[in-house]
N, C-alpha and C. Protein backbone atom coordinates (compact mmCIF):
# COMPACT_ATOMS: atom_id res chain seq x y z
N UNK A 1 132.50 -217.61 201.49
CA UNK A 1 133.44 -217.13 200.91
C UNK A 1 132.76 -216.15 199.69
N UNK A 2 131.99 -216.50 198.85
CA UNK A 2 131.28 -215.75 197.75
C UNK A 2 130.65 -214.44 198.56
N UNK A 3 129.86 -214.63 199.49
CA UNK A 3 129.46 -213.60 200.31
C UNK A 3 130.18 -212.53 200.61
N UNK A 4 131.34 -212.98 201.37
CA UNK A 4 132.36 -212.02 201.92
C UNK A 4 132.95 -211.04 200.63
N UNK A 5 133.13 -212.03 199.61
CA UNK A 5 133.66 -211.24 198.48
C UNK A 5 132.73 -210.30 197.81
N UNK A 6 131.31 -210.60 197.79
CA UNK A 6 130.26 -209.61 197.18
C UNK A 6 130.10 -208.45 198.20
N UNK A 7 130.32 -208.58 199.42
CA UNK A 7 130.26 -207.46 200.67
C UNK A 7 131.43 -206.72 200.24
N UNK A 8 132.42 -207.28 200.20
CA UNK A 8 133.94 -206.32 199.84
C UNK A 8 133.65 -205.57 198.51
N UNK A 9 133.01 -206.23 197.53
CA UNK A 9 132.89 -205.49 196.20
C UNK A 9 131.87 -204.41 196.41
N UNK A 10 130.84 -204.72 196.99
CA UNK A 10 129.79 -203.66 197.00
C UNK A 10 130.26 -202.61 198.27
N UNK A 11 130.87 -202.79 199.10
CA UNK A 11 131.58 -201.74 199.97
C UNK A 11 132.45 -200.98 199.20
N UNK A 12 133.36 -201.29 198.38
CA UNK A 12 134.23 -200.49 197.47
C UNK A 12 133.45 -199.97 196.53
N UNK A 13 132.59 -200.32 196.04
CA UNK A 13 131.61 -199.58 195.03
C UNK A 13 130.93 -198.28 195.73
N UNK A 14 130.52 -198.58 196.75
CA UNK A 14 129.83 -197.65 197.77
C UNK A 14 130.96 -196.25 198.11
N UNK A 15 132.06 -196.91 198.64
CA UNK A 15 133.23 -195.87 198.63
C UNK A 15 133.62 -195.07 197.48
N UNK A 16 133.73 -195.80 196.26
CA UNK A 16 134.05 -195.00 195.25
C UNK A 16 132.92 -193.89 194.72
N UNK A 17 131.56 -194.27 195.07
CA UNK A 17 130.52 -193.43 194.89
C UNK A 17 130.40 -192.39 195.63
N UNK A 18 130.77 -192.40 196.93
CA UNK A 18 130.69 -191.47 197.80
C UNK A 18 131.84 -190.77 197.72
N UNK A 19 132.94 -190.98 197.41
CA UNK A 19 134.02 -190.13 196.97
C UNK A 19 133.94 -189.06 195.74
N UNK A 20 133.37 -190.00 194.69
CA UNK A 20 132.91 -189.29 193.69
C UNK A 20 132.17 -188.17 193.57
N UNK A 21 131.23 -188.42 194.35
CA UNK A 21 130.11 -187.39 194.77
C UNK A 21 130.28 -186.20 195.38
N UNK A 22 131.35 -186.54 196.62
CA UNK A 22 131.91 -185.70 197.43
C UNK A 22 132.77 -184.67 196.76
N UNK A 23 133.62 -185.16 195.73
CA UNK A 23 134.67 -184.38 194.74
C UNK A 23 133.52 -183.37 193.95
N UNK A 24 132.54 -184.21 193.61
CA UNK A 24 131.74 -183.10 192.74
C UNK A 24 131.09 -181.96 193.54
N UNK A 25 130.76 -182.34 194.86
CA UNK A 25 130.16 -181.41 195.63
C UNK A 25 131.18 -180.34 196.01
N UNK A 26 132.35 -180.75 196.47
CA UNK A 26 133.66 -179.68 196.80
C UNK A 26 133.82 -178.70 195.33
N UNK A 27 133.91 -179.41 194.56
CA UNK A 27 134.34 -178.64 193.06
C UNK A 27 133.17 -177.83 192.66
N UNK A 28 131.75 -178.04 193.02
CA UNK A 28 130.57 -177.10 192.64
C UNK A 28 130.62 -176.18 193.85
N UNK A 29 130.84 -176.28 194.95
CA UNK A 29 131.08 -175.18 196.03
C UNK A 29 131.92 -174.38 195.88
N UNK A 30 133.07 -174.67 195.38
CA UNK A 30 134.23 -173.66 195.14
C UNK A 30 133.83 -172.88 193.83
N UNK A 31 133.08 -173.41 192.84
CA UNK A 31 132.83 -172.62 191.57
C UNK A 31 131.57 -171.56 192.08
N UNK A 32 130.77 -172.08 192.76
CA UNK A 32 129.60 -171.44 193.32
C UNK A 32 129.99 -170.16 194.08
N UNK A 33 131.14 -170.19 194.83
CA UNK A 33 131.61 -169.17 195.64
C UNK A 33 132.56 -168.21 194.74
N UNK A 34 132.96 -168.68 193.74
CA UNK A 34 133.68 -167.74 192.66
C UNK A 34 132.71 -166.83 191.84
N UNK A 35 131.40 -167.65 191.52
CA UNK A 35 130.41 -167.01 190.67
C UNK A 35 129.84 -165.69 191.57
N UNK A 36 129.87 -165.75 192.86
CA UNK A 36 129.14 -164.84 193.81
C UNK A 36 130.25 -163.66 194.16
N UNK A 37 131.63 -164.02 193.79
CA UNK A 37 132.65 -163.12 194.17
C UNK A 37 132.94 -162.50 193.02
N UNK A 38 132.65 -162.84 191.60
CA UNK A 38 133.28 -162.28 190.34
C UNK A 38 132.55 -161.01 190.11
N UNK A 39 133.46 -160.06 189.44
CA UNK A 39 133.23 -158.69 189.20
C UNK A 39 133.71 -158.34 187.98
N UNK A 40 134.47 -159.13 187.32
CA UNK A 40 135.12 -158.66 185.79
C UNK A 40 134.36 -159.66 184.97
N UNK A 41 134.41 -159.17 183.48
CA UNK A 41 133.97 -159.94 182.69
C UNK A 41 135.03 -161.29 182.57
N UNK A 42 136.18 -161.26 182.92
CA UNK A 42 136.98 -162.28 182.64
C UNK A 42 136.72 -163.29 183.65
N UNK A 43 136.27 -162.84 184.96
CA UNK A 43 136.03 -163.72 186.19
C UNK A 43 134.67 -164.43 185.88
N UNK A 44 133.51 -163.66 185.32
CA UNK A 44 132.42 -164.31 185.11
C UNK A 44 132.62 -165.50 183.72
N UNK A 45 133.28 -165.13 182.72
CA UNK A 45 133.64 -165.96 181.56
C UNK A 45 134.37 -167.47 182.40
N UNK A 46 135.36 -167.25 183.22
CA UNK A 46 135.92 -168.31 183.61
C UNK A 46 135.04 -169.14 184.54
N UNK A 47 134.28 -168.49 185.22
CA UNK A 47 133.44 -169.20 186.31
C UNK A 47 132.10 -170.01 185.56
N UNK A 48 131.90 -169.36 184.23
CA UNK A 48 130.83 -170.07 183.50
C UNK A 48 131.33 -171.35 183.02
N UNK A 49 132.66 -171.09 182.40
CA UNK A 49 133.55 -172.22 181.72
C UNK A 49 133.50 -173.19 182.85
N UNK A 50 133.81 -173.24 184.11
CA UNK A 50 134.12 -173.98 185.09
C UNK A 50 132.83 -174.92 185.09
N UNK A 51 131.66 -174.14 185.25
CA UNK A 51 130.34 -175.08 185.33
C UNK A 51 130.30 -175.87 184.11
N UNK A 52 130.25 -175.40 183.01
CA UNK A 52 130.39 -176.16 181.78
C UNK A 52 131.45 -177.27 181.94
N UNK A 53 132.59 -177.13 182.28
CA UNK A 53 133.52 -178.49 182.50
C UNK A 53 132.88 -179.58 183.10
N UNK A 54 132.14 -178.90 184.52
CA UNK A 54 131.52 -179.79 185.47
C UNK A 54 130.41 -180.67 184.79
N UNK A 55 129.69 -179.66 184.20
CA UNK A 55 128.61 -180.37 183.44
C UNK A 55 128.91 -181.52 182.22
N UNK A 56 130.11 -181.24 181.72
CA UNK A 56 130.51 -182.25 180.80
C UNK A 56 131.04 -183.50 181.50
N UNK A 57 131.43 -183.30 182.64
CA UNK A 57 131.91 -184.62 183.29
C UNK A 57 130.75 -185.46 184.17
N UNK A 58 129.64 -184.42 184.62
CA UNK A 58 128.52 -184.93 185.46
C UNK A 58 127.15 -184.86 184.30
N UNK A 59 127.36 -185.52 183.20
CA UNK A 59 126.03 -185.13 182.14
C UNK A 59 124.56 -185.28 182.71
N UNK A 60 124.73 -186.13 183.80
CA UNK A 60 123.17 -186.44 184.25
C UNK A 60 122.54 -185.39 185.29
N UNK A 61 123.51 -184.44 185.64
CA UNK A 61 123.09 -183.55 186.96
C UNK A 61 122.67 -182.28 186.26
N UNK A 62 121.64 -181.67 186.79
CA UNK A 62 121.12 -180.34 186.15
C UNK A 62 121.82 -179.12 186.62
N UNK A 63 122.23 -179.34 188.00
CA UNK A 63 122.77 -177.96 188.60
C UNK A 63 123.94 -177.45 188.12
N UNK A 64 125.25 -178.29 187.44
CA UNK A 64 126.24 -177.63 186.52
C UNK A 64 125.58 -176.48 185.61
N UNK A 65 124.52 -177.13 184.84
CA UNK A 65 123.87 -176.17 183.73
C UNK A 65 123.26 -175.06 184.39
N UNK A 66 122.49 -175.26 185.56
CA UNK A 66 121.46 -174.08 186.32
C UNK A 66 122.73 -173.23 186.31
N UNK A 67 123.77 -173.33 187.09
CA UNK A 67 124.69 -172.43 187.58
C UNK A 67 125.34 -171.78 186.47
N UNK A 68 125.81 -172.58 185.40
CA UNK A 68 126.51 -171.85 184.38
C UNK A 68 125.47 -170.66 183.64
N UNK A 69 124.29 -171.25 183.50
CA UNK A 69 123.19 -170.46 182.90
C UNK A 69 123.11 -168.95 184.02
N UNK A 70 122.94 -169.37 185.32
CA UNK A 70 122.96 -168.30 186.25
C UNK A 70 124.05 -167.27 186.02
N UNK A 71 125.29 -167.86 185.96
CA UNK A 71 126.59 -167.03 185.70
C UNK A 71 126.36 -165.89 184.40
N UNK A 72 125.84 -166.78 183.52
CA UNK A 72 125.72 -165.71 182.07
C UNK A 72 124.77 -164.64 182.36
N UNK A 73 123.48 -165.11 183.17
CA UNK A 73 122.74 -164.13 183.57
C UNK A 73 123.05 -163.08 184.41
N UNK A 74 123.72 -163.39 185.28
CA UNK A 74 124.60 -162.12 186.05
C UNK A 74 125.62 -161.40 185.08
N UNK A 75 126.17 -162.04 184.41
CA UNK A 75 127.21 -161.44 183.64
C UNK A 75 126.59 -160.47 182.52
N UNK A 76 125.43 -160.86 182.06
CA UNK A 76 124.56 -159.95 181.15
C UNK A 76 124.20 -158.45 181.64
N UNK A 77 124.15 -158.28 183.28
CA UNK A 77 123.94 -157.22 183.68
C UNK A 77 125.09 -156.33 183.41
N UNK A 78 126.17 -156.79 183.38
CA UNK A 78 127.45 -156.04 183.16
C UNK A 78 127.15 -155.15 181.84
N UNK A 79 126.59 -155.49 180.52
CA UNK A 79 126.48 -155.22 179.39
C UNK A 79 125.17 -154.44 179.24
N UNK A 80 125.03 -153.23 180.10
CA UNK A 80 123.72 -152.56 180.04
C UNK A 80 123.70 -151.55 178.86
N UNK A 81 124.86 -151.04 178.29
CA UNK A 81 125.04 -150.31 177.11
C UNK A 81 124.77 -150.98 175.93
N UNK A 82 125.57 -151.99 175.83
CA UNK A 82 125.71 -152.80 174.70
C UNK A 82 124.52 -154.19 174.57
N UNK A 83 123.51 -153.80 174.24
CA UNK A 83 122.13 -154.10 174.18
C UNK A 83 122.18 -155.66 173.34
N UNK A 84 123.12 -155.43 172.11
CA UNK A 84 122.92 -156.56 171.09
C UNK A 84 124.00 -157.82 172.02
N UNK A 85 124.98 -157.26 172.57
CA UNK A 85 125.92 -158.06 173.47
C UNK A 85 125.14 -158.77 174.41
N UNK A 86 124.34 -157.86 175.39
CA UNK A 86 123.50 -158.57 176.44
C UNK A 86 122.64 -159.56 175.73
N UNK A 87 122.14 -159.60 174.78
CA UNK A 87 121.03 -160.35 174.08
C UNK A 87 121.56 -161.73 173.84
N UNK A 88 123.13 -161.53 173.10
CA UNK A 88 123.85 -162.65 172.90
C UNK A 88 124.35 -163.37 174.31
N UNK A 89 124.38 -162.86 175.24
CA UNK A 89 124.58 -163.54 176.57
C UNK A 89 123.65 -164.28 177.09
N UNK A 90 122.46 -163.76 176.91
CA UNK A 90 121.23 -164.24 177.30
C UNK A 90 120.89 -165.60 176.55
N UNK A 91 121.09 -165.60 175.29
CA UNK A 91 120.93 -166.47 174.15
C UNK A 91 121.73 -167.79 174.80
N UNK A 92 122.91 -167.48 175.39
CA UNK A 92 123.93 -168.47 175.92
C UNK A 92 123.25 -169.18 177.33
N UNK A 93 122.57 -168.03 177.98
CA UNK A 93 122.23 -168.52 179.25
C UNK A 93 120.94 -169.50 179.05
N UNK A 94 120.10 -169.08 177.84
CA UNK A 94 118.83 -169.53 177.61
C UNK A 94 119.40 -171.17 177.10
N UNK A 95 120.24 -171.38 176.35
CA UNK A 95 120.84 -172.79 175.87
C UNK A 95 121.30 -173.54 177.30
N UNK A 96 121.93 -173.09 178.19
CA UNK A 96 122.38 -173.75 179.12
C UNK A 96 121.05 -174.33 180.15
N UNK A 97 120.18 -173.07 180.00
CA UNK A 97 118.95 -173.65 180.77
C UNK A 97 118.07 -174.66 180.26
N UNK A 98 118.10 -174.53 178.90
CA UNK A 98 117.39 -175.73 178.19
C UNK A 98 117.91 -177.17 178.82
N UNK A 99 119.36 -177.23 178.83
CA UNK A 99 120.12 -178.29 178.96
C UNK A 99 119.77 -178.71 180.70
N UNK A 100 119.63 -177.84 181.49
CA UNK A 100 119.04 -178.07 182.77
C UNK A 100 117.65 -178.72 182.91
N UNK A 101 116.72 -177.93 182.02
CA UNK A 101 115.44 -178.51 181.93
C UNK A 101 115.29 -180.06 181.26
N UNK A 102 116.29 -180.08 180.58
CA UNK A 102 116.08 -181.63 179.93
C UNK A 102 116.49 -182.68 181.25
N UNK A 103 117.18 -182.21 182.00
CA UNK A 103 117.48 -183.10 183.07
C UNK A 103 116.51 -182.97 184.32
N UNK A 104 116.06 -181.56 184.42
CA UNK A 104 114.88 -181.69 185.55
C UNK A 104 113.73 -180.87 185.33
N UNK A 105 113.00 -181.46 184.44
CA UNK A 105 111.75 -180.67 183.99
C UNK A 105 110.84 -180.14 184.82
N UNK A 106 110.66 -180.66 186.07
CA UNK A 106 109.95 -180.33 187.08
C UNK A 106 110.66 -179.61 188.35
N UNK A 107 111.70 -179.08 188.16
CA UNK A 107 112.58 -178.16 189.08
C UNK A 107 111.80 -176.76 189.26
N UNK A 108 111.49 -176.35 190.41
CA UNK A 108 111.05 -175.15 190.50
C UNK A 108 112.10 -174.17 190.44
N UNK A 109 113.40 -174.13 190.65
CA UNK A 109 114.26 -173.32 191.00
C UNK A 109 114.64 -172.90 189.33
N UNK A 110 114.55 -173.60 188.28
CA UNK A 110 115.00 -173.60 186.95
C UNK A 110 113.87 -172.69 186.25
N UNK A 111 112.60 -172.59 186.89
CA UNK A 111 111.48 -171.83 186.27
C UNK A 111 111.52 -170.42 186.86
N UNK A 112 112.36 -170.40 188.10
CA UNK A 112 112.51 -169.08 188.64
C UNK A 112 113.74 -168.31 187.56
N UNK A 113 114.78 -169.13 187.50
CA UNK A 113 115.79 -168.66 186.65
C UNK A 113 115.13 -168.14 185.32
N UNK A 114 114.42 -168.91 184.75
CA UNK A 114 113.81 -168.56 183.63
C UNK A 114 112.98 -167.26 183.50
N UNK A 115 112.24 -167.02 184.52
CA UNK A 115 111.68 -165.88 184.82
C UNK A 115 112.70 -164.53 185.19
N UNK A 116 113.75 -164.93 185.33
CA UNK A 116 114.82 -163.97 185.79
C UNK A 116 115.24 -163.68 184.29
N UNK A 117 115.72 -164.35 183.78
CA UNK A 117 116.07 -164.35 182.47
C UNK A 117 115.09 -163.44 181.37
N UNK A 118 113.91 -163.82 181.27
CA UNK A 118 112.83 -162.90 180.54
C UNK A 118 112.78 -161.62 181.06
N UNK A 119 113.00 -161.55 182.68
CA UNK A 119 112.92 -159.96 182.77
C UNK A 119 113.93 -159.27 182.40
N UNK A 120 115.21 -159.75 182.13
CA UNK A 120 116.37 -159.37 181.48
C UNK A 120 116.11 -158.94 180.05
N UNK A 121 115.44 -159.93 179.30
CA UNK A 121 115.18 -159.46 177.96
C UNK A 121 114.33 -158.38 177.55
N UNK A 122 113.37 -158.20 178.45
CA UNK A 122 112.65 -157.09 178.38
C UNK A 122 113.65 -155.64 178.46
N UNK A 123 114.53 -155.70 179.28
CA UNK A 123 115.38 -154.53 179.46
C UNK A 123 116.14 -154.07 178.16
N UNK A 124 116.05 -155.09 177.40
CA UNK A 124 117.04 -154.84 175.76
C UNK A 124 116.09 -153.91 175.10
N UNK A 125 114.84 -154.21 175.25
CA UNK A 125 113.84 -153.26 174.15
C UNK A 125 112.51 -153.38 175.02
N UNK A 126 112.25 -152.51 175.86
CA UNK A 126 111.02 -152.61 176.69
C UNK A 126 109.64 -152.24 176.09
N UNK A 127 109.74 -151.46 174.98
CA UNK A 127 108.67 -151.26 174.03
C UNK A 127 108.05 -152.33 173.27
N UNK A 128 108.95 -152.87 172.38
CA UNK A 128 108.38 -154.18 171.83
C UNK A 128 108.39 -155.61 172.41
N UNK A 129 109.03 -155.45 173.49
CA UNK A 129 109.17 -157.01 174.35
C UNK A 129 108.44 -156.92 175.49
N UNK A 130 107.81 -155.91 176.12
CA UNK A 130 107.17 -155.70 177.33
C UNK A 130 106.22 -156.80 177.52
N UNK A 131 105.10 -156.68 176.79
CA UNK A 131 103.84 -157.41 176.74
C UNK A 131 104.16 -159.11 176.41
N UNK A 132 105.18 -159.37 175.69
CA UNK A 132 105.24 -160.44 175.18
C UNK A 132 105.90 -161.42 176.34
N UNK A 133 106.95 -160.90 177.05
CA UNK A 133 107.75 -161.23 177.88
C UNK A 133 107.04 -161.29 179.44
N UNK A 134 106.48 -160.21 179.78
CA UNK A 134 105.71 -160.31 181.08
C UNK A 134 104.60 -161.82 180.98
N UNK A 135 104.19 -161.85 179.81
CA UNK A 135 103.20 -163.12 179.74
C UNK A 135 104.06 -164.38 180.12
N UNK A 136 105.25 -164.63 179.64
CA UNK A 136 106.14 -165.41 179.78
C UNK A 136 106.63 -165.76 181.03
N UNK A 137 106.84 -164.46 181.71
CA UNK A 137 107.49 -164.44 182.95
C UNK A 137 106.29 -164.78 184.11
N UNK A 138 105.05 -164.67 183.92
CA UNK A 138 103.99 -165.10 184.67
C UNK A 138 103.84 -166.60 184.63
N UNK A 139 103.99 -167.03 183.28
CA UNK A 139 103.71 -168.29 183.27
C UNK A 139 105.02 -169.16 184.17
N UNK A 140 106.22 -168.58 183.80
CA UNK A 140 107.20 -169.36 184.56
C UNK A 140 107.08 -169.17 186.21
N UNK A 141 106.71 -168.18 186.64
CA UNK A 141 106.64 -167.88 188.25
C UNK A 141 105.75 -168.82 188.60
N UNK A 142 104.39 -168.87 187.74
CA UNK A 142 103.33 -169.74 187.98
C UNK A 142 103.78 -171.09 188.41
N UNK A 143 104.54 -171.46 187.01
CA UNK A 143 104.69 -173.04 187.36
C UNK A 143 105.73 -173.24 188.33
N UNK A 144 106.58 -172.33 188.67
CA UNK A 144 107.43 -172.56 189.73
C UNK A 144 106.78 -172.62 191.19
N UNK A 145 105.85 -171.67 191.22
CA UNK A 145 105.08 -171.74 192.59
C UNK A 145 104.12 -173.08 192.71
N UNK A 146 103.80 -173.67 191.47
CA UNK A 146 102.96 -174.80 191.52
C UNK A 146 104.01 -176.10 192.03
N UNK A 147 105.12 -176.07 191.38
CA UNK A 147 106.11 -177.23 191.85
C UNK A 147 106.65 -177.05 193.29
N UNK A 148 106.75 -175.64 193.87
CA UNK A 148 107.35 -175.41 195.21
C UNK A 148 106.86 -174.33 195.72
N UNK A 149 105.93 -174.30 196.48
CA UNK A 149 105.16 -172.80 197.10
C UNK A 149 105.93 -172.33 198.04
N UNK A 150 106.92 -173.10 198.59
CA UNK A 150 107.79 -172.61 199.52
C UNK A 150 109.27 -172.13 199.11
N UNK A 151 109.17 -172.03 197.94
CA UNK A 151 110.86 -171.71 197.23
C UNK A 151 110.81 -170.14 197.17
N UNK A 152 111.79 -169.39 198.30
CA UNK A 152 111.61 -168.06 198.50
C UNK A 152 111.94 -167.09 197.35
N UNK A 153 112.66 -167.76 196.41
CA UNK A 153 113.22 -166.79 195.15
C UNK A 153 112.05 -166.29 194.31
N UNK A 154 110.86 -167.34 194.47
CA UNK A 154 109.66 -166.83 193.53
C UNK A 154 109.19 -165.64 194.09
N UNK A 155 109.08 -165.31 195.28
CA UNK A 155 108.32 -164.10 196.17
C UNK A 155 109.51 -162.92 195.87
N UNK A 156 110.78 -163.18 196.21
CA UNK A 156 111.74 -162.32 195.88
C UNK A 156 111.77 -161.84 194.67
N UNK A 157 111.73 -162.58 193.61
CA UNK A 157 111.91 -162.13 192.17
C UNK A 157 110.53 -161.31 191.78
N UNK A 158 109.41 -161.74 192.21
CA UNK A 158 108.24 -161.34 192.06
C UNK A 158 108.27 -159.73 192.70
N UNK A 159 108.78 -159.58 193.81
CA UNK A 159 108.82 -158.03 194.59
C UNK A 159 109.73 -157.48 193.74
N UNK A 160 110.68 -157.79 193.19
CA UNK A 160 111.64 -156.82 192.58
C UNK A 160 110.95 -156.52 191.31
N UNK A 161 110.09 -157.34 190.66
CA UNK A 161 109.60 -156.92 189.60
C UNK A 161 108.48 -155.77 189.78
N UNK A 162 107.79 -156.15 190.95
CA UNK A 162 106.45 -155.35 191.29
C UNK A 162 107.21 -153.78 191.74
N UNK A 163 108.33 -153.79 192.62
CA UNK A 163 109.01 -152.59 192.71
C UNK A 163 109.42 -151.74 191.62
N UNK A 164 109.81 -152.39 190.42
CA UNK A 164 110.24 -151.72 189.27
C UNK A 164 109.23 -151.29 188.26
N UNK A 165 107.90 -151.97 188.39
CA UNK A 165 106.74 -151.17 187.77
C UNK A 165 106.40 -149.94 188.34
N UNK A 166 105.86 -149.09 187.19
CA UNK A 166 105.37 -148.03 187.53
C UNK A 166 103.83 -148.02 188.51
N UNK A 167 103.57 -147.07 189.22
CA UNK A 167 102.46 -147.33 190.12
C UNK A 167 100.86 -147.47 189.48
N UNK A 168 100.98 -147.01 188.29
CA UNK A 168 99.71 -147.10 187.37
C UNK A 168 99.50 -148.58 186.69
N UNK A 169 100.73 -149.27 186.96
CA UNK A 169 100.63 -150.67 186.60
C UNK A 169 100.47 -151.54 187.75
N UNK A 170 100.26 -151.17 188.67
CA UNK A 170 100.32 -151.77 190.09
C UNK A 170 101.42 -152.34 190.63
N UNK A 171 102.61 -151.17 190.31
CA UNK A 171 103.73 -151.63 190.95
C UNK A 171 104.39 -150.28 191.91
N UNK A 172 105.36 -150.39 192.57
CA UNK A 172 105.92 -149.61 193.43
C UNK A 172 106.28 -150.14 194.64
N UNK A 173 106.72 -149.14 195.50
CA UNK A 173 107.57 -149.81 196.87
C UNK A 173 106.19 -150.20 197.65
N UNK A 174 105.25 -149.54 197.80
CA UNK A 174 103.92 -149.92 198.71
C UNK A 174 103.53 -151.25 198.39
N UNK A 175 103.18 -151.58 197.03
CA UNK A 175 102.62 -152.79 196.42
C UNK A 175 103.82 -153.79 196.77
N UNK A 176 105.13 -153.58 196.77
CA UNK A 176 106.35 -154.45 196.80
C UNK A 176 106.56 -155.05 198.12
N UNK A 177 106.31 -154.15 199.05
CA UNK A 177 106.82 -154.26 200.37
C UNK A 177 106.22 -155.52 201.12
N UNK A 178 104.78 -155.77 200.99
CA UNK A 178 104.51 -157.00 201.51
C UNK A 178 104.73 -158.29 200.88
N UNK A 179 105.20 -158.19 199.46
CA UNK A 179 105.67 -159.45 198.70
C UNK A 179 107.24 -159.89 199.36
N UNK A 180 108.19 -158.44 199.58
CA UNK A 180 109.47 -158.88 200.05
C UNK A 180 109.20 -159.37 201.49
N UNK A 181 108.32 -158.91 202.25
CA UNK A 181 108.30 -159.39 203.55
C UNK A 181 107.62 -160.99 203.60
N UNK A 182 106.98 -161.35 202.64
CA UNK A 182 106.64 -162.66 202.56
C UNK A 182 107.84 -163.64 201.84
N UNK A 183 108.61 -163.16 201.11
CA UNK A 183 110.02 -163.67 200.63
C UNK A 183 110.69 -163.71 201.96
N UNK A 184 110.94 -162.96 202.84
CA UNK A 184 111.57 -162.86 204.03
C UNK A 184 111.02 -164.12 204.77
N UNK A 185 109.70 -164.32 204.90
CA UNK A 185 109.53 -165.50 205.99
C UNK A 185 109.72 -166.60 204.96
N UNK A 186 109.47 -166.71 203.81
CA UNK A 186 110.04 -167.85 203.08
C UNK A 186 111.44 -168.47 203.31
N UNK A 187 112.35 -167.12 203.11
CA UNK A 187 113.86 -167.47 203.20
C UNK A 187 113.96 -167.93 204.66
N UNK A 188 113.36 -167.38 205.77
CA UNK A 188 113.70 -167.64 207.07
C UNK A 188 113.49 -169.15 207.32
N UNK A 189 112.56 -169.71 206.50
CA UNK A 189 112.07 -171.21 206.99
C UNK A 189 112.70 -171.97 205.87
N UNK A 190 113.41 -171.54 204.81
CA UNK A 190 113.95 -172.26 203.85
C UNK A 190 115.41 -173.27 204.20
N UNK A 191 115.48 -174.51 203.76
CA UNK A 191 116.82 -174.95 203.87
C UNK A 191 116.80 -175.91 202.70
N UNK A 192 118.22 -175.49 201.95
CA UNK A 192 118.51 -175.89 200.61
C UNK A 192 118.65 -177.60 200.83
N UNK A 193 118.33 -178.35 199.69
CA UNK A 193 118.28 -179.85 199.84
C UNK A 193 119.78 -180.19 200.02
N UNK A 194 120.82 -179.62 199.46
CA UNK A 194 122.28 -179.84 199.62
C UNK A 194 122.90 -178.73 199.66
N UNK A 195 124.32 -178.76 200.09
CA UNK A 195 125.28 -177.68 200.10
C UNK A 195 125.38 -176.91 198.74
N UNK A 196 124.92 -177.51 197.78
CA UNK A 196 125.16 -176.68 196.25
C UNK A 196 124.00 -176.56 195.66
N UNK A 197 122.98 -176.74 196.58
CA UNK A 197 121.25 -176.32 195.98
C UNK A 197 121.35 -174.85 196.04
N UNK A 198 120.68 -174.41 194.93
CA UNK A 198 120.34 -172.70 194.83
C UNK A 198 119.90 -172.32 196.23
N UNK A 199 120.38 -171.10 196.64
CA UNK A 199 120.40 -170.67 197.85
C UNK A 199 120.56 -169.02 197.75
N UNK A 200 120.27 -168.33 196.81
CA UNK A 200 120.61 -166.97 196.65
C UNK A 200 119.62 -165.98 196.85
N UNK A 201 119.60 -164.86 197.16
CA UNK A 201 118.48 -163.93 197.10
C UNK A 201 118.17 -163.47 198.43
N UNK A 202 118.43 -164.13 199.66
CA UNK A 202 118.02 -163.59 200.91
C UNK A 202 118.65 -162.31 201.39
N UNK A 203 120.11 -162.35 200.98
CA UNK A 203 120.62 -160.95 201.41
C UNK A 203 120.09 -159.65 200.50
N UNK A 204 119.97 -160.06 199.27
CA UNK A 204 119.23 -158.71 198.53
C UNK A 204 118.01 -158.49 198.86
N UNK A 205 117.30 -159.65 199.40
CA UNK A 205 115.85 -159.23 199.87
C UNK A 205 115.78 -158.15 201.27
N UNK A 206 116.71 -158.84 201.80
CA UNK A 206 117.11 -158.13 203.30
C UNK A 206 117.36 -156.60 202.96
N UNK A 207 118.17 -156.33 202.24
CA UNK A 207 118.55 -155.22 201.66
C UNK A 207 117.50 -154.22 201.14
N UNK A 208 116.47 -154.96 200.37
CA UNK A 208 115.55 -154.05 199.89
C UNK A 208 114.29 -153.85 200.92
N UNK A 209 114.32 -154.61 201.69
CA UNK A 209 113.23 -154.40 202.80
C UNK A 209 113.67 -153.29 203.70
N UNK A 210 115.02 -153.33 204.00
CA UNK A 210 115.87 -152.22 204.82
C UNK A 210 115.48 -150.72 204.37
N UNK A 211 115.43 -150.89 202.83
CA UNK A 211 115.09 -149.44 202.12
C UNK A 211 113.70 -148.99 202.28
N UNK A 212 112.62 -150.24 202.65
CA UNK A 212 111.27 -149.83 202.66
C UNK A 212 110.73 -149.59 204.16
N UNK A 213 111.72 -150.37 204.89
CA UNK A 213 110.84 -150.00 206.35
C UNK A 213 111.11 -148.72 206.84
């Protein structure tokens, strides 16, 4: 009798955990889809708030913080002229990224996102920030590669940065093309760990390669 009761109890606990995780995944998938379809300030802010609400309910998970940070990074690109506002948005992205790091300090994806954020910091003031943040970008990219050399977003982001560097600094289309091609190979063999794991960049990488071929 005791064994039967224990079995039923464990089964109910397992069902509860499964349903909770499934609800989390469904909610996250919906928010991720909204993020990639956002075009206005209001949409980006609402989406970021959604991820932060999920994070407050799922305090041990790094992905809600990662996507909240990523949403603010994407949103910052809308503020090209207002550089002070752009910096403030990136400050918020950095805070959320730190929360993600505290839950997953050895996650390659977060280091890629960190490098992405640093590249946008440079755009605010290229002359005074270029040297400082290029060093930080290299550190983040190297750490991301150490943790997961098969992560395609490492090579995609590297290719974008090389493409936008002047030729005299080792950049340009000719230098970037083989890196985009390497990213393409990595994307083609990449399988995300879950339906809500980071899986962005492939379409943009294909678009850049189309221009270069």
